Protein backbone atom coordinates (compact mmCIF):
# COMPACT_ATOMS: atom_id res chain seq x y z
CA MET A 1 -27.39 80.41 -16.32
CA LYS A 2 -24.10 80.04 -14.45
CA LEU A 3 -20.77 79.22 -16.08
CA LYS A 4 -17.66 78.03 -14.30
CA ILE A 5 -14.58 80.07 -15.16
CA GLU A 6 -10.87 79.93 -14.40
CA PRO A 7 -7.75 81.73 -15.60
CA GLY A 8 -7.33 80.99 -19.29
CA TRP A 9 -10.97 79.89 -19.68
CA ASP A 10 -13.05 82.95 -19.00
CA LEU A 11 -13.34 85.86 -21.46
CA GLU A 12 -13.72 83.85 -24.66
CA PRO A 13 -16.29 81.30 -23.42
CA VAL A 14 -18.29 83.93 -21.53
CA GLY A 15 -18.33 86.11 -24.64
CA ALA A 16 -19.43 83.19 -26.82
CA VAL A 17 -22.27 82.27 -24.47
CA ARG A 18 -23.35 85.91 -24.17
CA ASP A 19 -23.40 86.21 -27.98
CA MET A 20 -25.42 83.01 -28.29
CA LEU A 21 -27.97 83.91 -25.58
CA GLY A 22 -28.21 87.64 -26.19
CA GLY A 23 -28.09 90.50 -23.74
CA GLU A 24 -31.50 89.95 -22.13
CA PHE A 25 -30.64 86.52 -20.69
CA MET A 26 -29.33 86.55 -17.09
CA LEU A 27 -25.80 85.15 -16.97
CA GLN A 28 -23.39 84.78 -14.06
CA VAL A 29 -20.02 83.13 -13.60
CA ASP A 30 -18.47 81.18 -10.73
CA ALA A 31 -14.70 81.27 -10.36
CA ASN A 32 -14.44 78.99 -7.30
CA THR A 33 -11.64 81.17 -5.85
CA ALA A 34 -9.42 80.70 -8.94
CA TYR A 35 -8.23 84.33 -9.06
CA ASP A 36 -6.48 86.75 -6.74
CA ARG A 37 -6.34 90.55 -6.48
CA ARG A 38 -3.54 90.67 -9.05
CA ASP A 39 -6.17 89.53 -11.59
CA ALA A 40 -8.40 92.56 -10.96
CA GLU A 41 -7.74 94.21 -14.35
CA HIS A 42 -8.47 90.95 -16.16
CA LEU A 43 -11.64 90.28 -14.14
CA ARG A 44 -12.84 93.82 -14.82
CA ARG A 45 -13.01 92.89 -18.51
CA LEU A 46 -15.91 90.53 -17.66
CA ASP A 47 -18.09 93.59 -16.97
CA GLU A 48 -18.55 94.07 -20.72
CA PHE A 49 -20.70 90.93 -20.82
CA GLY A 50 -23.40 92.32 -18.52
CA LEU A 51 -23.11 89.54 -15.96
CA LEU A 52 -25.48 89.23 -13.03
CA LEU A 53 -22.45 88.58 -10.81
CA ILE A 54 -19.01 87.02 -10.52
CA GLU A 55 -19.27 84.42 -7.77
CA GLN A 56 -16.26 83.66 -5.54
CA PRO A 57 -13.45 85.10 -7.65
CA LEU A 58 -11.04 85.35 -4.70
CA ASP A 59 -9.80 83.00 -2.02
CA GLU A 60 -12.08 82.88 1.01
CA GLU A 61 -9.24 84.11 3.23
CA ASP A 62 -8.88 87.33 1.23
CA ILE A 63 -11.28 89.31 3.40
CA LEU A 64 -9.94 92.69 2.25
CA GLY A 65 -10.37 91.80 -1.39
CA ARG A 66 -13.85 90.44 -0.82
CA GLY A 67 -15.39 93.20 1.26
CA ALA A 68 -13.36 96.12 2.46
CA GLY A 69 -12.25 97.23 -0.99
CA GLN A 70 -15.76 97.63 -2.32
CA ALA A 71 -17.03 99.18 0.89
CA ALA A 72 -14.34 101.84 0.56
CA GLY A 73 -15.25 102.46 -3.07
CA ASP A 74 -12.14 100.68 -4.35
CA ALA A 75 -12.49 100.00 -8.08
CA ASP A 76 -9.86 97.24 -8.23
CA LEU A 77 -12.41 94.48 -8.86
CA PRO A 78 -15.41 94.42 -11.18
CA GLY A 79 -18.62 95.92 -9.89
CA ARG A 80 -20.56 92.66 -9.87
CA VAL A 81 -18.31 90.57 -7.65
CA ASP A 82 -20.18 88.49 -5.05
CA ARG A 83 -18.08 89.27 -1.98
CA LEU A 84 -20.85 88.74 0.56
CA GLY A 85 -21.54 85.21 -0.66
CA ALA A 86 -18.00 84.15 0.13
CA LEU A 87 -18.23 85.58 3.63
CA CYS A 88 -21.48 83.69 4.17
CA ASP A 89 -19.80 80.49 2.92
CA ARG A 90 -17.09 80.90 5.57
CA ARG A 91 -19.70 81.40 8.31
CA HIS A 92 -21.60 78.26 7.31
CA ARG A 93 -18.41 76.18 7.14
CA ALA A 94 -17.37 77.42 10.58
CA ARG A 95 -20.83 76.62 11.97
CA GLY A 96 -20.59 73.11 10.47
CA LEU A 97 -17.23 72.53 12.12
CA LEU A 98 -18.63 73.62 15.50
CA ASP A 99 -21.63 71.33 15.08
CA ARG A 100 -19.37 68.33 14.40
CA GLU A 101 -17.34 68.96 17.54
CA HIS A 102 -20.40 68.79 19.81
């Protein structure tokens, strides 16, 4: 199951759904780029819910936050952040733009 989250609507609803479903049920959240690196401490609190992943927490232009930090072992963001997915999204959008121009 995937829940949409945003600042102010994240910890409480995710916790409620996790309590209702139990720990064995796979749960992920999608932030649709609603957060930035300043929210790292807050996002890290989502780890307690045993999420499969946190999809697109950061803006697509924040390449350092999405990839380089984790590659360098930076613990600023939660361990289950889907950084690669956002980079793939950018590649597909760029490819779509090129296709429309030709």
